[in-house]
């Protein structure tokens, strides 16, 4: 028989280090390095560390495939180093020796081009003929289209920056994609969110916090100021005024002058009305840009399907407006839309675009990470001297009972989720009927800002009874927690802890086909309470989502959750 073809995809240039492996076009494993290293995003995006590889993620993928690295046929690296050198002399605002400077960019180039040698060292042989450098946004686009349910689709990738471009627009048909237009730095929505996040007192990685805060503000108050910064142009173009933003400097003077608000430095942060209104206006201008881009793409391609990738594609508010306003008919957001997903795109670009293989795989679920046996779970419980646990014949029945009593449960089951969302395998669960549950979770476990919403996980068959579907209830992206739904007013008071201040829920539709165990748990809760919904948040406390039984037990021990449901075992305190 002909030997199978294995393709390893890697992301490492900036952040969200990750690896995936496919066998004859079928995905075997995909995982982020942070899950193993316990370092958020795998590393910081620095000018001097693009050669830090996701070694543990690579080893996991190879273990699942049951092959050594030298047996891999192709290795896709989601970056084009020479294209990155185009940043030299592009920007007037930069720090000497850092991003945008000649010395900094040449250091970055020198470091990242060491990666093949590092891979050779890991394999114990020369892998250079197997390695393919693939542009960042091509990988984003491939990660969305090639695993989507669409045979034809417009494709949009939006983030901070790839090599030099921040936005990529294209079209996919069967097993090929083509670029239609690219928008280049400094015209970057992703960097706009990073800079405003820092201006408001958060970090550059806190876009999701700003998105939650935006619902509390008045978007009209500062909207005209954002229109000075961001301007829509003809043919799907937009510009960002970098003389104001100064993306590559810690200079906020222009923003302070425009908004008449000093950069926030207090800790802990207590958002003011100005903060809320700035966040709301940022969300509004982002909605405008995304709608502008997708409208152009829809007309250009004639497609009512859209595939989204890049960090900005995780903005579930903008995603929802595309469907609500009929800008597109069908939407697919690859669940690891951030840079982690470029590893997936690199692998599938090689399989389809370079090897010309037909498509045979749709990413319908996110469960591509590690799973653990009962033996491994018991071993971890003994290691931490945990004696208060019982094996159950039906873990869903026990957990549903505890949830209905107001208990907080760490839910650890099956394979780890791919991407930034906890979707029912590494989740913290609670009763959505309790109005005080947000405060309890934040105080006892999550230790995060009070304005951030928690997500509802709702049984697919009950979705239309509780939420206004806006025709996208059947979208796979609704199962990945990538769109907002408006809760029906008559139902909002029944599930107050999962409804945001604007009456929406960034929900997860739970399908029996996709996750039968989680579906069964929520159904058991429904039988007891009449509510087919549970509160779902990621199983962590200001760290990466837990991966192993040891991670879960450590988090259980140091927080005030009530129970840990790990495999078939229910652990109490």
Protein backbone atom coordinates (compact mmCIF):
# COMPACT_ATOMS: atom_id res chain seq x y z
CA UNK A 1 0.00 0.00 0.00
CA UNK A 2 1.07 3.58 -0.66
CA UNK A 3 2.51 5.28 2.39
CA UNK A 4 0.32 8.01 3.90
CA UNK A 5 1.32 11.66 3.60
CA UNK A 6 1.84 13.53 6.88
CA UNK A 7 1.98 17.31 7.02
CA UNK A 8 3.00 19.22 10.12
CA UNK A 9 1.87 22.85 10.41
CA UNK A 10 3.62 25.25 12.82
CA UNK A 11 3.05 28.78 14.12
CA UNK A 12 5.80 30.48 16.11
CA UNK A 13 6.72 33.90 14.65
CA UNK A 14 4.77 36.12 17.06
CA UNK A 15 2.43 34.54 19.61
CA UNK A 16 -0.16 31.77 20.08
CA UNK A 17 2.50 29.15 19.36
CA UNK A 18 0.85 26.02 17.97
CA UNK A 19 1.18 22.86 15.96
CA UNK A 20 -1.12 20.57 14.01
CA UNK A 21 -0.71 17.42 11.97
CA UNK A 22 -2.79 16.03 9.11
CA UNK A 23 -2.68 12.59 7.51
CA UNK A 24 -3.86 12.35 3.91
CA UNK A 25 -5.85 15.54 4.40
CA UNK A 26 -7.53 14.48 7.66
CA UNK A 27 -6.74 16.36 10.84
CA UNK A 28 -5.28 14.20 13.61
CA UNK A 29 -4.31 16.80 16.21
CA UNK A 30 -4.10 20.55 16.77
CA UNK A 31 -2.96 22.23 19.96
CA UNK A 32 -1.44 25.41 21.38
CA UNK A 33 1.89 25.35 23.18
CA UNK A 34 0.51 27.32 26.15
CA UNK A 35 -1.55 24.32 27.21
CA UNK A 36 1.66 22.43 28.01
CA UNK A 37 4.09 25.20 28.96
CA UNK A 38 1.47 27.09 31.06
CA UNK A 39 2.82 30.34 29.56
CA UNK A 40 0.01 32.42 28.08
CA UNK A 41 0.13 32.50 24.28
CA UNK A 42 3.31 30.43 24.43
CA UNK A 43 5.48 33.55 24.59
CA UNK A 44 5.41 37.30 24.15
CA UNK A 45 5.77 38.65 20.61
CA UNK A 46 9.28 40.12 20.77
CA UNK A 47 11.73 41.18 18.09
CA UNK A 48 14.34 38.71 19.39
CA UNK A 49 12.33 35.49 19.90
CA UNK A 50 10.69 34.35 16.63
CA UNK A 51 12.78 31.16 16.77
CA UNK A 52 11.08 29.85 19.93
CA UNK A 53 9.35 26.70 18.70
CA UNK A 54 6.21 24.98 20.05
CA UNK A 55 8.23 21.89 20.94
CA UNK A 56 5.69 20.28 23.27
CA UNK A 57 2.87 20.86 20.80
CA UNK A 58 5.02 19.29 18.08
CA UNK A 59 5.73 16.25 20.26
CA UNK A 60 2.04 15.84 21.06
CA UNK A 61 1.11 15.91 17.36
CA UNK A 62 3.79 13.36 16.53
CA UNK A 63 2.63 11.11 19.39
CA UNK A 64 -0.94 11.18 18.07
CA UNK A 65 0.28 10.37 14.55
CA UNK A 66 2.65 7.73 16.01
CA UNK A 67 5.54 8.85 13.84
CA UNK A 68 8.93 10.53 14.44
CA UNK A 69 9.57 14.03 13.08
CA UNK A 70 11.74 12.68 10.28
CA UNK A 71 8.76 10.65 8.99
CA UNK A 72 6.76 13.84 8.31
CA UNK A 73 6.56 14.51 4.56
CA UNK A 74 6.08 18.29 4.67
CA UNK A 75 6.43 21.00 7.30
CA UNK A 76 4.48 24.22 6.79
CA UNK A 77 5.83 27.32 8.55
CA UNK A 78 3.26 30.10 8.70
CA UNK A 79 5.47 33.04 7.80
CA UNK A 80 7.54 34.54 4.98
CA UNK A 81 10.72 36.01 6.53
CA UNK A 82 11.87 38.02 3.49
CA UNK A 83 8.50 39.77 3.27
CA UNK A 84 8.91 40.91 6.88
CA UNK A 85 12.00 42.94 5.85
CA UNK A 86 9.67 45.27 3.94
CA UNK A 87 8.90 46.90 7.32
CA UNK A 88 12.25 48.68 7.24
CA UNK A 89 11.77 52.43 6.65
CA UNK A 90 7.99 52.11 6.35
CA UNK A 91 7.25 53.79 9.68
CA UNK A 92 8.23 57.20 11.06
CA UNK A 93 7.31 56.18 14.59
CA UNK A 94 9.35 53.36 16.13
CA UNK A 95 11.75 52.57 18.96
CA UNK A 96 15.44 52.15 17.97
CA UNK A 97 16.33 48.48 17.64
CA UNK A 98 12.70 47.37 17.80
CA UNK A 99 9.82 46.71 15.38
CA UNK A 100 10.14 48.78 12.20
CA UNK A 101 13.78 49.74 12.71
CA UNK A 102 16.42 48.30 10.40
CA UNK A 103 18.43 46.81 13.27
CA UNK A 104 15.33 45.26 14.85
CA UNK A 105 13.89 43.82 11.65
CA UNK A 106 17.23 42.32 10.60
CA UNK A 107 17.56 40.71 14.04
CA UNK A 108 14.07 39.26 13.66
CA UNK A 109 15.00 37.93 10.19
CA UNK A 110 18.25 36.41 11.45
CA UNK A 111 16.46 34.68 14.31
CA UNK A 112 13.49 33.32 12.37
CA UNK A 113 15.61 31.92 9.55
CA UNK A 114 17.29 29.69 12.17
CA UNK A 115 14.09 27.67 12.50
CA UNK A 116 14.96 25.03 9.85
CA UNK A 117 18.24 24.33 11.68
CA UNK A 118 16.37 23.96 14.96
CA UNK A 119 13.94 21.52 13.34
CA UNK A 120 16.87 19.58 11.87
CA UNK A 121 18.27 19.27 15.39
CA UNK A 122 14.92 17.99 16.71
CA UNK A 123 14.67 15.40 13.93
CA UNK A 124 18.32 14.35 13.91
CA UNK A 125 18.52 14.82 10.13
CA UNK A 126 18.25 17.48 7.42
CA UNK A 127 14.60 18.44 6.85
CA UNK A 128 15.22 21.43 4.55
CA UNK A 129 13.66 19.82 1.45
CA UNK A 130 10.44 19.23 3.41
CA UNK A 131 10.06 22.76 4.75
CA UNK A 132 7.75 25.35 3.18
CA UNK A 133 7.59 29.00 4.29
CA UNK A 134 4.04 30.22 3.63
CA UNK A 135 2.88 33.86 4.09
CA UNK A 136 1.04 34.59 7.32
CA UNK A 137 -2.27 35.75 5.83
CA UNK A 138 -2.29 32.96 3.25
CA UNK A 139 -2.17 30.61 6.24
CA UNK A 140 -5.00 32.48 8.00
CA UNK A 141 -7.12 32.33 4.85
CA UNK A 142 -6.34 28.64 4.27
CA UNK A 143 -7.20 27.82 7.90
CA UNK A 144 -10.68 29.25 7.40
CA UNK A 145 -11.64 28.14 3.88
CA UNK A 146 -10.08 24.70 3.47
CA UNK A 147 -11.79 23.29 6.59
CA UNK A 148 -15.08 25.15 6.04
CA UNK A 149 -18.32 23.55 4.80
CA UNK A 150 -18.28 25.77 1.67
CA UNK A 151 -17.05 24.71 -1.77
CA UNK A 152 -16.94 28.40 -2.77
CA UNK A 153 -16.55 31.40 -0.51
CA UNK A 154 -15.21 34.90 -0.06
CA UNK A 155 -12.36 34.91 2.47
CA UNK A 156 -11.32 37.69 4.84
CA UNK A 157 -8.32 37.65 7.17
CA UNK A 158 -7.90 40.60 9.57
CA UNK A 159 -5.35 40.96 12.35
CA UNK A 160 -2.55 43.23 13.59
CA UNK A 161 0.09 42.39 11.01
CA UNK A 162 1.39 39.41 9.08
CA UNK A 163 4.62 40.25 7.32
CA UNK A 164 3.52 43.72 6.20
CA UNK A 165 -0.19 43.35 5.41
CA UNK A 166 -2.88 43.57 8.07
CA UNK A 167 -5.88 42.55 5.96
CA UNK A 168 -6.17 39.93 3.20
CA UNK A 169 -9.19 39.55 0.95
CA UNK A 170 -9.63 36.63 -1.38
CA UNK A 171 -11.77 33.90 -2.85
CA UNK A 172 -11.76 30.16 -2.39
CA UNK A 173 -13.08 27.53 -4.77
CA UNK A 174 -12.77 23.80 -4.13
CA UNK A 175 -9.08 23.20 -3.34
CA UNK A 176 -7.59 26.58 -4.24
CA UNK A 177 -7.59 30.13 -2.90
CA UNK A 178 -6.58 33.37 -4.58
CA UNK A 179 -5.86 36.84 -3.26
CA UNK A 180 -7.98 39.76 -4.48
CA UNK A 181 -6.61 42.58 -2.34
CA UNK A 182 -4.29 43.24 0.59
CA UNK A 183 -4.21 46.23 2.95
CA UNK A 184 -0.86 47.07 4.50
CA UNK A 185 0.51 48.40 7.78
CA UNK A 186 -0.15 50.85 9.40
CA UNK A 187 -3.77 50.41 8.28
CA UNK A 188 -4.49 47.77 10.90
CA UNK A 189 -7.65 47.01 12.86
CA UNK A 190 -5.80 44.54 15.05
CA UNK A 191 -3.19 47.10 16.09
CA UNK A 192 -5.95 49.67 16.65
CA UNK A 193 -7.50 47.34 19.24
CA UNK A 194 -4.12 46.61 20.83
CA UNK A 195 -3.21 50.29 21.19
CA UNK A 196 -6.63 51.34 22.51
CA UNK A 197 -6.56 48.40 24.94
CA UNK A 198 -3.26 49.67 26.38
CA UNK A 199 -4.55 53.26 26.40
CA UNK A 200 -7.54 52.18 28.50
CA UNK A 201 -5.28 50.46 31.04
CA UNK A 202 -5.32 46.87 29.78
CA UNK A 203 -2.66 44.90 27.89
CA UNK A 204 -2.42 44.56 24.12
CA UNK A 205 -3.93 41.06 24.49
CA UNK A 206 -7.15 42.23 26.16
CA UNK A 207 -9.36 42.87 23.14
CA UNK A 208 -12.04 40.56 24.54
CA UNK A 209 -12.24 42.71 27.67
CA UNK A 210 -12.72 45.86 25.58
CA UNK A 211 -15.43 44.10 23.58
CA UNK A 212 -17.27 43.30 26.82
CA UNK A 213 -16.78 46.83 28.17
CA UNK A 214 -18.13 48.38 24.94
CA UNK A 215 -21.68 47.24 25.71
CA UNK A 216 -21.74 49.60 28.72
CA UNK A 217 -20.85 52.71 26.71
CA UNK A 218 -22.38 55.24 24.34
CA UNK A 219 -20.80 54.68 20.89
CA UNK A 220 -21.93 58.07 19.54
CA UNK A 221 -19.96 60.20 21.98
CA UNK A 222 -16.49 59.49 20.55
CA UNK A 223 -17.49 58.07 17.17
CA UNK A 224 -16.46 61.17 15.18
CA UNK A 225 -13.02 61.05 16.77
CA UNK A 226 -12.59 57.47 15.59
CA UNK A 227 -13.69 58.61 12.13
CA UNK A 228 -10.66 60.93 12.15
CA UNK A 229 -8.44 57.95 12.93
CA UNK A 230 -10.10 55.35 10.69
CA UNK A 231 -11.45 56.22 7.26
CA UNK A 232 -13.31 54.02 4.81
CA UNK A 233 -12.18 54.27 1.20
CA UNK A 234 -13.45 53.02 -2.14
CA UNK A 235 -13.09 49.38 -3.26
CA UNK A 236 -12.99 47.90 0.21
CA UNK A 237 -10.02 49.94 1.43
CA UNK A 238 -9.58 51.63 4.80
CA UNK A 239 -6.82 53.72 6.37
CA UNK A 240 -5.62 54.28 9.93
CA UNK A 241 -3.83 57.53 10.80
CA UNK A 242 -0.55 56.42 12.35
CA UNK A 243 0.49 59.97 13.17
CA UNK A 244 -2.19 59.63 15.86
CA UNK A 245 -1.85 55.95 16.76
CA UNK A 246 1.96 55.59 16.65
CA UNK A 247 1.61 51.83 16.87
CA UNK A 248 5.28 51.03 17.40
CA UNK A 249 5.81 53.45 20.27
CA UNK A 250 4.47 53.71 23.80
CA UNK A 251 3.27 57.20 22.93
CA UNK A 252 -0.33 57.95 23.82
CA UNK A 253 -0.11 61.74 23.68
CA UNK A 254 -2.20 62.11 20.52
CA UNK A 255 -4.95 59.89 21.93
CA UNK A 256 -4.92 61.80 25.20
CA UNK A 257 -5.36 65.06 23.30
CA UNK A 258 -8.17 63.73 21.11
CA UNK A 259 -10.19 62.02 23.84
CA UNK A 260 -9.31 64.49 26.61
CA UNK A 261 -8.59 61.46 28.78
CA UNK A 262 -5.18 60.50 30.25
CA UNK A 263 -3.83 57.02 29.70
CA UNK A 264 -5.12 54.77 32.47
CA UNK A 265 -2.47 53.53 34.91
CA UNK A 266 -4.53 52.56 37.97
CA UNK A 267 -4.58 49.00 39.26
CA UNK A 268 -7.02 47.45 39.72
CA UNK A 269 -8.71 49.17 36.82
CA UNK A 270 -12.07 50.83 37.48
CA UNK A 271 -13.51 51.85 34.10
CA UNK A 272 -14.92 55.36 33.92
CA UNK A 273 -17.66 56.63 31.63
CA UNK A 274 -14.94 57.81 29.23
CA UNK A 275 -13.44 54.32 29.12
CA UNK A 276 -16.80 52.75 28.37
CA UNK A 277 -17.68 55.28 25.69
CA UNK A 278 -14.28 54.97 23.99
CA UNK A 279 -14.64 51.18 23.96
CA UNK A 280 -18.17 51.48 22.52
CA UNK A 281 -17.00 53.82 19.75
CA UNK A 282 -14.08 51.50 18.95
CA UNK A 283 -16.52 48.63 18.55
CA UNK A 284 -18.76 50.78 16.33
CA UNK A 285 -15.95 51.81 13.97
CA UNK A 286 -14.78 48.18 13.85
CA UNK A 287 -18.28 47.09 12.86
CA UNK A 288 -18.22 49.66 10.07
CA UNK A 289 -14.87 48.49 8.72
CA UNK A 290 -15.77 44.79 8.82
CA UNK A 291 -19.11 45.43 7.09
CA UNK A 292 -17.30 47.61 4.52
CA UNK A 293 -14.78 44.85 3.76
CA UNK A 294 -17.30 42.03 3.54
CA UNK A 295 -19.70 44.10 1.40
CA UNK A 296 -16.87 44.71 -1.06
CA UNK A 297 -15.90 41.04 -1.06
CA UNK A 298 -19.48 39.89 -1.55
CA UNK A 299 -19.89 42.13 -4.60
CA UNK A 300 -16.46 41.27 -5.98
CA UNK A 301 -16.85 37.50 -5.65
CA UNK A 302 -20.62 37.15 -6.02
CA UNK A 303 -20.55 34.90 -2.95
CA UNK A 304 -22.91 35.09 0.01
CA UNK A 305 -20.56 32.83 1.97
CA UNK A 306 -17.77 34.35 4.04
CA UNK A 307 -14.87 32.63 5.82
CA UNK A 308 -13.16 34.72 8.51
CA UNK A 309 -9.77 34.37 10.18
CA UNK A 310 -7.25 36.52 12.03
CA UNK A 311 -7.53 37.87 15.56
CA UNK A 312 -10.22 40.40 14.62
CA UNK A 313 -12.41 37.51 13.44
CA UNK A 314 -12.88 36.63 17.13
CA UNK A 315 -15.02 39.76 17.49
CA UNK A 316 -18.41 38.09 17.87
CA UNK A 317 -20.26 41.44 17.84
CA UNK A 318 -19.06 42.32 14.34
CA UNK A 319 -19.60 38.75 13.18
CA UNK A 320 -23.21 38.87 14.31
CA UNK A 321 -23.88 42.12 12.45
CA UNK A 322 -22.74 40.54 9.19
CA UNK A 323 -25.56 38.02 9.52
CA UNK A 324 -28.11 40.27 11.17
CA UNK A 325 -27.77 42.87 8.37
CA UNK A 326 -27.69 40.20 5.63
CA UNK A 327 -24.20 41.28 4.50
CA UNK A 328 -23.58 37.58 4.08
CA UNK A 329 -25.84 34.55 4.20
CA UNK A 330 -23.45 31.97 5.62
CA UNK A 331 -20.50 32.50 7.94
CA UNK A 332 -17.62 30.28 9.01
CA UNK A 333 -15.05 31.38 11.58
CA UNK A 334 -12.24 28.90 12.13
CA UNK A 335 -12.32 28.34 15.94
CA UNK A 336 -8.62 29.16 16.42
CA UNK A 337 -8.93 32.30 14.30
CA UNK A 338 -5.99 33.93 16.09
CA UNK A 339 -2.39 33.20 15.10
CA UNK A 340 -2.62 29.66 16.45
CA UNK A 341 -4.82 28.83 13.46
CA UNK A 342 -2.07 29.64 10.97
CA UNK A 343 -0.47 26.27 11.80
CA UNK A 344 -3.65 24.61 10.54
CA UNK A 345 -3.67 26.84 7.46
CA UNK A 346 -0.04 26.07 6.64
CA UNK A 347 -0.73 22.32 6.64
CA UNK A 348 -3.88 22.55 4.54
CA UNK A 349 -2.33 25.03 2.08
CA UNK A 350 0.35 22.47 1.29
CA UNK A 351 -2.16 19.62 0.98
CA UNK A 352 -4.63 21.43 -1.28
CA UNK A 353 -2.84 24.30 -3.02
CA UNK A 354 0.61 22.80 -3.50
CA UNK A 355 -0.21 19.09 -3.78
CA UNK A 356 -3.55 19.74 -5.53
CA UNK A 357 -5.42 17.26 -3.36
CA UNK A 358 -9.25 17.36 -3.18
CA UNK A 359 -10.97 18.45 0.01
CA UNK A 360 -12.32 15.78 2.33
CA UNK A 361 -12.38 17.33 5.81
CA UNK A 362 -14.64 19.86 7.55
CA UNK A 363 -13.75 21.17 11.00
CA UNK A 364 -17.07 20.59 12.75
CA UNK A 365 -15.71 20.48 16.29
CA UNK A 366 -12.81 21.85 18.33
CA UNK A 367 -11.70 18.75 20.23
CA UNK A 368 -8.21 18.11 18.81
CA UNK A 369 -6.01 18.33 21.91
CA UNK A 370 -4.89 15.83 24.57
CA UNK A 371 -7.18 13.40 26.40
CA UNK A 372 -6.39 11.32 29.48
CA UNK A 373 -7.26 7.83 30.63
CA UNK A 374 -8.82 6.82 33.94
CA UNK A 375 -5.43 5.45 34.95
CA UNK A 376 -3.80 8.86 34.37
CA UNK A 377 -6.59 10.61 36.28
CA UNK A 378 -6.28 8.26 39.28
CA UNK A 379 -2.50 8.66 39.23
CA UNK A 380 -2.87 12.47 39.38
CA UNK A 381 -5.39 12.27 42.23
CA UNK A 382 -3.00 10.10 44.22
CA UNK A 383 -0.08 12.39 43.44
CA UNK A 384 -1.92 15.31 45.03
CA UNK A 385 -3.17 13.14 47.90
CA UNK A 386 -6.82 13.63 46.92
CA UNK A 387 -8.98 11.08 48.72
CA UNK A 388 -12.43 12.71 48.56
CA UNK A 389 -13.57 11.40 45.19
CA UNK A 390 -16.06 8.85 43.92
CA UNK A 391 -16.37 7.04 40.63
CA UNK A 392 -19.84 7.45 39.14
CA UNK A 393 -21.81 5.42 36.66
CA UNK A 394 -23.25 8.63 35.18
CA UNK A 395 -21.16 11.74 35.76
CA UNK A 396 -23.71 13.94 33.96
CA UNK A 397 -26.50 13.10 36.41
CA UNK A 398 -24.37 13.91 39.46
CA UNK A 399 -23.03 17.16 38.02
CA UNK A 400 -26.48 18.32 36.88
CA UNK A 401 -27.74 17.73 40.42
CA UNK A 402 -24.90 19.79 41.93
CA UNK A 403 -25.35 22.59 39.38
CA UNK A 404 -29.05 22.83 40.19
CA UNK A 405 -28.04 23.27 43.85
CA UNK A 406 -25.91 26.29 42.95
CA UNK A 407 -22.51 24.58 43.04
CA UNK A 408 -19.57 25.54 40.79
CA UNK A 409 -18.09 22.61 38.89
CA UNK A 410 -14.79 22.12 37.13
CA UNK A 411 -15.70 20.00 34.08
CA UNK A 412 -12.75 18.07 32.61
CA UNK A 413 -13.63 15.59 29.88
CA UNK A 414 -12.31 14.14 26.61
CA UNK A 415 -9.92 15.94 24.27
CA UNK A 416 -8.82 19.52 24.90
CA UNK A 417 -10.38 22.31 22.84
CA UNK A 418 -8.51 23.91 19.91
CA UNK A 419 -8.55 27.69 20.10
CA UNK A 420 -9.19 30.26 22.84
CA UNK A 421 -12.71 29.16 23.85
CA UNK A 422 -13.58 26.50 26.41
CA UNK A 423 -16.43 24.60 24.77
CA UNK A 424 -17.47 21.90 27.19
CA UNK A 425 -14.36 19.79 27.72
CA UNK A 426 -12.24 22.13 29.87
CA UNK A 427 -14.97 24.33 31.35
CA UNK A 428 -16.14 25.82 34.61
CA UNK A 429 -19.90 25.37 34.89
CA UNK A 430 -22.56 27.03 37.01
CA UNK A 431 -26.30 27.68 37.24
CA UNK A 432 -27.30 30.53 34.86
CA UNK A 433 -30.46 31.24 36.87
CA UNK A 434 -28.56 32.83 39.75
CA UNK A 435 -28.17 36.57 39.33
CA UNK A 436 -25.27 36.64 41.78
CA UNK A 437 -23.31 33.89 40.00
CA UNK A 438 -21.15 36.34 38.02
CA UNK A 439 -19.99 37.99 41.22
CA UNK A 440 -19.46 34.63 42.94
CA UNK A 441 -17.36 33.27 40.08
CA UNK A 442 -15.27 36.41 39.87
CA UNK A 443 -14.68 36.52 43.60
CA UNK A 444 -14.02 32.84 44.20
CA UNK A 445 -12.26 31.71 41.03
CA UNK A 446 -11.84 33.88 37.95
CA UNK A 447 -10.59 37.09 39.60
CA UNK A 448 -11.49 39.12 36.56
CA UNK A 449 -13.31 42.37 35.75
CA UNK A 450 -16.98 42.50 36.77
CA UNK A 451 -18.10 43.91 33.42
CA UNK A 452 -17.05 40.83 31.45
CA UNK A 453 -19.90 38.48 30.51
CA UNK A 454 -20.07 34.74 31.00
CA UNK A 455 -21.25 32.51 28.19
CA UNK A 456 -24.38 30.37 27.95
CA UNK A 457 -24.08 26.85 26.57
CA UNK A 458 -27.51 26.04 25.14
CA UNK A 459 -28.88 22.81 23.70
CA UNK A 460 -29.24 23.16 19.95
CA UNK A 461 -32.84 21.93 19.91
CA UNK A 462 -33.90 24.65 22.39
CA UNK A 463 -32.02 27.55 20.81
CA UNK A 464 -34.96 29.21 19.07
CA UNK A 465 -37.06 29.10 22.25
CA UNK A 466 -34.56 31.21 24.18
CA UNK A 467 -32.69 33.31 21.60
CA UNK A 468 -33.49 35.16 18.41
CA UNK A 469 -31.66 33.18 15.77
CA UNK A 470 -31.33 35.75 13.00
CA UNK A 471 -31.06 32.79 10.62
CA UNK A 472 -27.62 31.72 11.79
CA UNK A 473 -28.52 29.13 14.43
CA UNK A 474 -27.32 26.33 12.13
CA UNK A 475 -23.90 27.88 11.54
CA UNK A 476 -20.96 25.86 12.82
CA UNK A 477 -19.55 29.12 14.17
CA UNK A 478 -22.44 29.25 16.64
CA UNK A 479 -21.04 26.02 18.09
CA UNK A 480 -17.60 27.69 18.38
CA UNK A 481 -18.88 30.70 20.38
CA UNK A 482 -18.10 33.13 17.56
CA UNK A 483 -21.37 35.06 17.24
CA UNK A 484 -23.66 36.97 19.60
CA UNK A 485 -27.33 36.11 19.92
CA UNK A 486 -30.10 38.36 21.20
CA UNK A 487 -31.89 36.70 24.11
CA UNK A 488 -35.68 36.80 24.01
CA UNK A 489 -36.87 39.35 26.54
CA UNK A 490 -39.29 36.94 28.16
CA UNK A 491 -36.38 34.58 28.89
CA UNK A 492 -33.71 37.03 30.03
CA UNK A 493 -34.82 37.15 33.67
CA UNK A 494 -34.60 33.36 33.88
CA UNK A 495 -30.89 33.26 33.01
CA UNK A 496 -29.48 36.58 34.30
CA UNK A 497 -25.90 35.42 34.86
CA UNK A 498 -25.31 34.69 31.14
CA UNK A 499 -27.04 37.71 29.60
CA UNK A 500 -24.89 40.76 28.93
CA UNK A 501 -26.05 44.29 29.70
CA UNK A 502 -27.14 44.73 26.05
CA UNK A 503 -29.42 41.66 26.18
CA UNK A 504 -27.08 39.42 24.20
CA UNK A 505 -25.26 36.20 24.89
CA UNK A 506 -21.99 35.07 23.30
CA UNK A 507 -23.36 31.61 23.37
CA UNK A 508 -22.25 28.13 22.46
CA UNK A 509 -24.81 26.01 20.66
CA UNK A 510 -24.32 22.44 21.93
CA UNK A 511 -25.02 19.67 19.46
CA UNK A 512 -25.57 16.05 20.45
CA UNK A 513 -23.50 15.04 17.42
CA UNK A 514 -20.52 17.25 18.31
CA UNK A 515 -20.28 16.71 22.07
CA UNK A 516 -22.72 14.03 23.28
CA UNK A 517 -21.49 14.00 26.89
CA UNK A 518 -21.79 17.77 27.36
CA UNK A 519 -25.16 17.70 25.62
CA UNK A 520 -26.34 14.99 27.99
CA UNK A 521 -25.19 16.99 31.02
CA UNK A 522 -27.13 20.10 29.95
CA UNK A 523 -30.18 17.95 29.20
CA UNK A 524 -29.98 16.47 32.71
CA UNK A 525 -29.87 20.02 34.08
CA UNK A 526 -32.88 20.90 31.92
CA UNK A 527 -34.88 17.97 33.34
CA UNK A 528 -34.30 19.31 36.84
CA UNK A 529 -34.78 23.02 36.20
CA UNK A 530 -36.64 23.54 32.92
CA UNK A 531 -33.63 25.54 31.66
CA UNK A 532 -31.66 23.94 28.77
CA UNK A 533 -28.65 26.17 29.44
CA UNK A 534 -25.62 26.19 31.72
CA UNK A 535 -23.13 28.97 32.43
CA UNK A 536 -19.82 28.08 30.78
CA UNK A 537 -16.45 29.77 31.25
CA UNK A 538 -12.92 28.55 30.73
CA UNK A 539 -11.40 26.23 33.32
CA UNK A 540 -8.59 28.51 34.55
CA UNK A 541 -7.84 31.45 36.80
CA UNK A 542 -5.70 33.98 34.96
CA UNK A 543 -3.61 31.26 33.34
CA UNK A 544 -3.95 29.17 30.17
CA UNK A 545 -6.94 26.82 30.10
CA UNK A 546 -6.12 23.63 32.00
CA UNK A 547 -4.85 20.75 29.90
CA UNK A 548 -3.84 17.80 32.08
CA UNK A 549 -5.42 16.22 35.17
CA UNK A 550 -2.60 17.79 37.19
CA UNK A 551 -3.53 21.26 35.88
CA UNK A 552 -7.18 20.68 36.74
CA UNK A 553 -6.41 19.46 40.27
CA UNK A 554 -4.07 22.38 40.98
CA UNK A 555 -6.72 24.88 39.91
CA UNK A 556 -9.39 23.02 41.88
CA UNK A 557 -7.24 23.09 45.03
CA UNK A 558 -6.24 26.76 44.91
CA UNK A 559 -9.69 28.15 44.06
CA UNK A 560 -13.07 27.93 45.74
CA UNK A 561 -14.92 25.82 43.22
CA UNK A 562 -17.10 23.17 44.83
CA UNK A 563 -16.52 20.05 42.74
CA UNK A 564 -14.26 18.70 40.05
CA UNK A 565 -15.83 16.32 37.51
CA UNK A 566 -12.81 14.69 35.92
CA UNK A 567 -13.58 11.75 33.67
CA UNK A 568 -15.99 9.55 35.59
CA UNK A 569 -14.77 10.81 38.96
CA UNK A 570 -16.46 13.46 41.08
CA UNK A 571 -14.00 15.16 43.43
CA UNK A 572 -15.22 17.21 46.39
CA UNK A 573 -13.60 19.34 49.06
